[in-house]
Amino acid sequence: MKNLYIIDYWVPFPQSEYGGIINVIAETDSEVFDLLSEEDSFNEGYIDRIMPNVLKAQKLPLSEEYESGIIEAFVT
């Protein structure tokens, strides 16, 4: 079963003064990490901060089958 992950953006102040939220559909924490770490638009200098935020993310089970991927990203 897949989940909707609601993840806090991981780039610290002052590079990302206001933060952000990233919504991802995935089956496991590892799959979320892989999707986020491969995304070109995120700063790869902070890759070590992704997994801790994935582990703290709110996870909502989905009742239907959806394709894995980043659904929405709002970051500043």
C-alpha atoms as a PDB file:
ATOM      1  CA  MET A   1       0.000   0.000   0.000  1.00  0.00           C
ATOM      2  CA  LYS A   2       1.250   3.472  -0.822  1.00  0.00           C
ATOM      3  CA  ASN A   3       1.232   6.507   1.415  1.00  0.00           C
ATOM      4  CA  LEU A   4       1.109  10.237   0.943  1.00  0.00           C
ATOM      5  CA  TYR A   5       4.149  11.689   2.698  1.00  0.00           C
ATOM      6  CA  ILE A   6       4.032  15.332   3.826  1.00  0.00           C
ATOM      7  CA  ILE A   7       7.656  16.317   4.282  1.00  0.00           C
ATOM      8  CA  ASP A   8       9.239  19.492   5.652  1.00  0.00           C
ATOM      9  CA  TYR A   9      11.830  20.951   3.281  1.00  0.00           C
ATOM     10  CA  TRP A  10      15.319  20.271   4.612  1.00  0.00           C
ATOM     11  CA  VAL A  11      17.460  23.245   3.493  1.00  0.00           C
ATOM     12  CA  PRO A  12      18.313  25.415   6.518  1.00  0.00           C
ATOM     13  CA  PHE A  13      18.204  29.187   6.974  1.00  0.00           C
ATOM     14  CA  PRO A  14      19.489  31.384   5.272  1.00  0.00           C
ATOM     15  CA  GLN A  15      19.464  29.362   2.045  1.00  0.00           C
ATOM     16  CA  SER A  16      15.762  28.664   2.540  1.00  0.00           C
ATOM     17  CA  GLU A  17      14.525  31.337   4.900  1.00  0.00           C
ATOM     18  CA  TYR A  18      10.884  30.282   4.865  1.00  0.00           C
ATOM     19  CA  GLY A  19      11.161  26.511   4.392  1.00  0.00           C
ATOM     20  CA  GLY A  20       8.595  24.529   2.500  1.00  0.00           C
ATOM     21  CA  ILE A  21       6.545  21.364   2.152  1.00  0.00           C
ATOM     22  CA  ILE A  22       6.968  18.489  -0.288  1.00  0.00           C
ATOM     23  CA  ASN A  23       4.206  15.937  -0.923  1.00  0.00           C
ATOM     24  CA  VAL A  24       5.272  12.538  -2.219  1.00  0.00           C
ATOM     25  CA  ILE A  25       3.416   9.311  -2.955  1.00  0.00           C
ATOM     26  CA  ALA A  26       5.504   6.223  -2.247  1.00  0.00           C
ATOM     27  CA  GLU A  27       5.402   2.784  -0.698  1.00  0.00           C
ATOM     28  CA  THR A  28       8.408   3.073   1.649  1.00  0.00           C
ATOM     29  CA  ASP A  29      10.651   5.657   3.286  1.00  0.00           C
ATOM     30  CA  SER A  30      13.501   4.425   1.070  1.00  0.00           C
ATOM     31  CA  GLU A  31      11.472   5.045  -2.076  1.00  0.00           C
ATOM     32  CA  VAL A  32      10.722   8.607  -0.916  1.00  0.00           C
ATOM     33  CA  PHE A  33      14.419   9.207  -0.271  1.00  0.00           C
ATOM     34  CA  ASP A  34      15.317   7.899  -3.738  1.00  0.00           C
ATOM     35  CA  LEU A  35      12.727  10.111  -5.433  1.00  0.00           C
ATOM     36  CA  LEU A  36      13.842  13.225  -3.554  1.00  0.00           C
ATOM     37  CA  SER A  37      17.587  12.638  -3.827  1.00  0.00           C
ATOM     38  CA  GLU A  38      17.299  12.177  -7.617  1.00  0.00           C
ATOM     39  CA  GLU A  39      15.285  15.393  -8.133  1.00  0.00           C
ATOM     40  CA  ASP A  40      17.477  17.968  -9.913  1.00  0.00           C
ATOM     41  CA  SER A  41      15.693  21.022  -8.511  1.00  0.00           C
ATOM     42  CA  PHE A  42      16.670  20.254  -4.888  1.00  0.00           C
ATOM     43  CA  ASN A  43      20.060  21.286  -3.500  1.00  0.00           C
ATOM     44  CA  GLU A  44      22.189  18.135  -3.399  1.00  0.00           C
ATOM     45  CA  GLY A  45      24.442  19.710  -0.751  1.00  0.00           C
ATOM     46  CA  TYR A  46      21.798  18.842   1.842  1.00  0.00           C
ATOM     47  CA  ILE A  47      21.128  15.243   0.808  1.00  0.00           C
ATOM     48  CA  ASP A  48      22.074  14.042   4.304  1.00  0.00           C
ATOM     49  CA  ARG A  49      19.088  15.976   5.718  1.00  0.00           C
ATOM     50  CA  ILE A  50      16.462  14.304   3.529  1.00  0.00           C
ATOM     51  CA  MET A  51      16.048  10.958   5.327  1.00  0.00           C
ATOM     52  CA  PRO A  52      15.594  12.436   8.839  1.00  0.00           C
ATOM     53  CA  ASN A  53      12.765  14.584   7.475  1.00  0.00           C
ATOM     54  CA  VAL A  54      11.247  11.618   5.632  1.00  0.00           C
ATOM     55  CA  LEU A  55      11.234   9.648   8.897  1.00  0.00           C
ATOM     56  CA  LYS A  56       9.496  12.567  10.696  1.00  0.00           C
ATOM     57  CA  ALA A  57       6.990  13.127   7.871  1.00  0.00           C
ATOM     58  CA  GLN A  58       3.283  12.673   8.310  1.00  0.00           C
ATOM     59  CA  LYS A  59       2.247   9.535   6.394  1.00  0.00           C
ATOM     60  CA  LEU A  60      -1.313   9.106   5.202  1.00  0.00           C
ATOM     61  CA  PRO A  61      -2.374   5.729   3.749  1.00  0.00           C
ATOM     62  CA  LEU A  62      -3.978   5.893   0.318  1.00  0.00           C
ATOM     63  CA  SER A  63      -7.046   3.798  -0.396  1.00  0.00           C
ATOM     64  CA  GLU A  64      -6.402   3.615  -4.151  1.00  0.00           C
ATOM     65  CA  GLU A  65      -3.323   2.753  -6.187  1.00  0.00           C
ATOM     66  CA  TYR A  66      -1.335   5.760  -7.401  1.00  0.00           C
ATOM     67  CA  GLU A  67       1.946   6.114  -9.240  1.00  0.00           C
ATOM     68  CA  SER A  68       4.934   6.928  -7.030  1.00  0.00           C
ATOM     69  CA  GLY A  69       6.403  10.390  -7.368  1.00  0.00           C
ATOM     70  CA  ILE A  70       6.627  13.938  -6.120  1.00  0.00           C
ATOM     71  CA  ILE A  71       3.122  15.367  -6.209  1.00  0.00           C
ATOM     72  CA  GLU A  72       3.761  18.952  -5.129  1.00  0.00           C
ATOM     73  CA  ALA A  73       6.713  20.939  -3.847  1.00  0.00           C
ATOM     74  CA  PHE A  74       6.444  24.397  -2.341  1.00  0.00           C
ATOM     75  CA  VAL A  75       9.840  25.623  -1.222  1.00  0.00           C
ATOM     76  CA  THR A  76      11.329  29.071  -0.782  1.00  0.00           C
END
